[in-house]
Protein backbone atom coordinates (compact mmCIF):
# COMPACT_ATOMS: atom_id res chain seq x y z
CA UNK A 1 24.29 10.29 31.35
CA UNK A 2 20.93 10.26 33.10
CA UNK A 3 17.90 9.48 31.01
CA UNK A 4 15.01 11.87 31.10
CA UNK A 5 12.60 8.91 30.91
CA UNK A 6 13.16 5.19 30.52
CA UNK A 7 11.08 4.16 27.50
CA UNK A 8 10.81 0.55 26.31
CA UNK A 9 8.52 -2.01 24.74
CA UNK A 10 6.63 0.29 22.40
CA UNK A 11 3.98 -1.52 20.38
CA UNK A 12 0.73 -0.78 18.62
CA UNK A 13 -2.47 -2.72 19.25
CA UNK A 14 -5.20 -1.51 16.93
CA UNK A 15 -5.40 2.24 17.41
CA UNK A 16 -3.58 2.19 20.75
CA UNK A 17 0.11 2.84 21.44
CA UNK A 18 1.44 0.88 24.41
CA UNK A 19 4.74 1.78 26.04
CA UNK A 20 6.60 1.01 29.22
CA UNK A 21 7.55 4.44 30.57
CA UNK A 22 9.60 4.64 33.75
CA UNK A 23 8.59 1.07 34.63
CA UNK A 24 4.83 1.62 34.15
CA UNK A 25 2.81 0.30 31.21
CA UNK A 26 0.93 3.20 29.62
CA UNK A 27 -1.70 3.11 26.85
CA UNK A 28 -2.51 6.01 24.54
CA UNK A 29 -5.34 6.27 22.00
CA UNK A 30 -3.81 7.38 18.71
CA UNK A 31 -6.74 9.71 17.95
CA UNK A 32 -5.81 11.66 21.11
CA UNK A 33 -2.05 11.35 20.67
CA UNK A 34 -1.40 12.06 16.99
CA UNK A 35 -3.62 12.26 13.90
CA UNK A 36 -0.51 11.43 11.86
CA UNK A 37 0.07 8.15 13.72
CA UNK A 38 -3.65 7.36 13.64
CA UNK A 39 -3.61 7.45 9.82
CA UNK A 40 -0.21 5.75 9.44
CA UNK A 41 0.38 2.28 8.05
CA UNK A 42 1.73 -0.51 10.25
CA UNK A 43 5.19 -0.12 8.71
CA UNK A 44 5.16 3.66 9.30
CA UNK A 45 4.03 3.21 12.91
CA UNK A 46 6.65 0.59 13.64
CA UNK A 47 9.55 2.56 12.15
CA UNK A 48 10.51 4.75 15.09
CA UNK A 49 13.46 5.71 17.23
CA UNK A 50 13.44 6.50 20.94
CA UNK A 51 15.79 9.37 21.73
CA UNK A 52 18.84 8.16 23.68
CA UNK A 53 17.93 10.52 26.54
CA UNK A 54 14.37 9.21 26.72
CA UNK A 55 12.99 12.64 25.86
CA UNK A 56 10.82 11.57 22.93
CA UNK A 57 10.02 9.28 20.02
CA UNK A 58 10.71 10.03 16.35
CA UNK A 59 8.97 8.41 13.37
CA UNK A 60 11.29 9.15 10.42
CA UNK A 61 8.91 7.91 7.70
CA UNK A 62 6.21 10.26 9.00
CA UNK A 63 8.42 13.17 10.14
CA UNK A 64 6.55 12.95 13.46
CA UNK A 65 8.02 13.63 16.90
CA UNK A 66 6.25 13.21 20.22
CA UNK A 67 7.76 14.11 23.57
CA UNK A 68 7.28 11.68 26.43
CA UNK A 69 6.28 14.57 28.70
CA UNK A 70 3.61 15.50 26.16
CA UNK A 71 2.32 11.93 26.11
CA UNK A 72 2.14 11.93 29.91
CA UNK A 73 0.49 15.36 30.07
CA UNK A 74 3.46 16.95 31.82
CA UNK A 75 3.68 20.67 31.12
CA UNK A 76 7.09 22.28 31.35
CA UNK A 77 7.23 26.01 31.75
CA UNK A 78 10.37 27.99 31.06
CA UNK A 79 12.13 29.42 34.07
CA UNK A 80 11.71 33.15 34.45
CA UNK A 81 14.67 35.04 33.22
CA UNK A 82 16.19 37.58 35.51
CA UNK A 83 15.55 41.13 34.44
CA UNK A 84 18.59 43.24 33.84
CA UNK A 85 18.36 46.62 35.56
C-alpha cells in the first residue's frame, strides 16, 4: 500500500504545529490552520491519529480532521466526468 504522504514527528510549539511531511519539516500557525486547534488544550492537541494512508490527521477529542493536502495548500479538483450522449 502506497502512502499518500509520509507524516511523522507532529508536535506543537506554542501556537505552531510542526510536522515532518514527505521528509521536510513544515510549520503551520494554528490561527491559519484551524480555529479549533488554536483554542484546544494541550491534551486535546496531542490526542491525534495520522491516517494510515497519510491522507490526514484526526483529533478525536475535538472531532477535527485536517487533510495534509489542505495543510500544504494543494488543491485537488475532481476529474471531469464523461458526458453520456
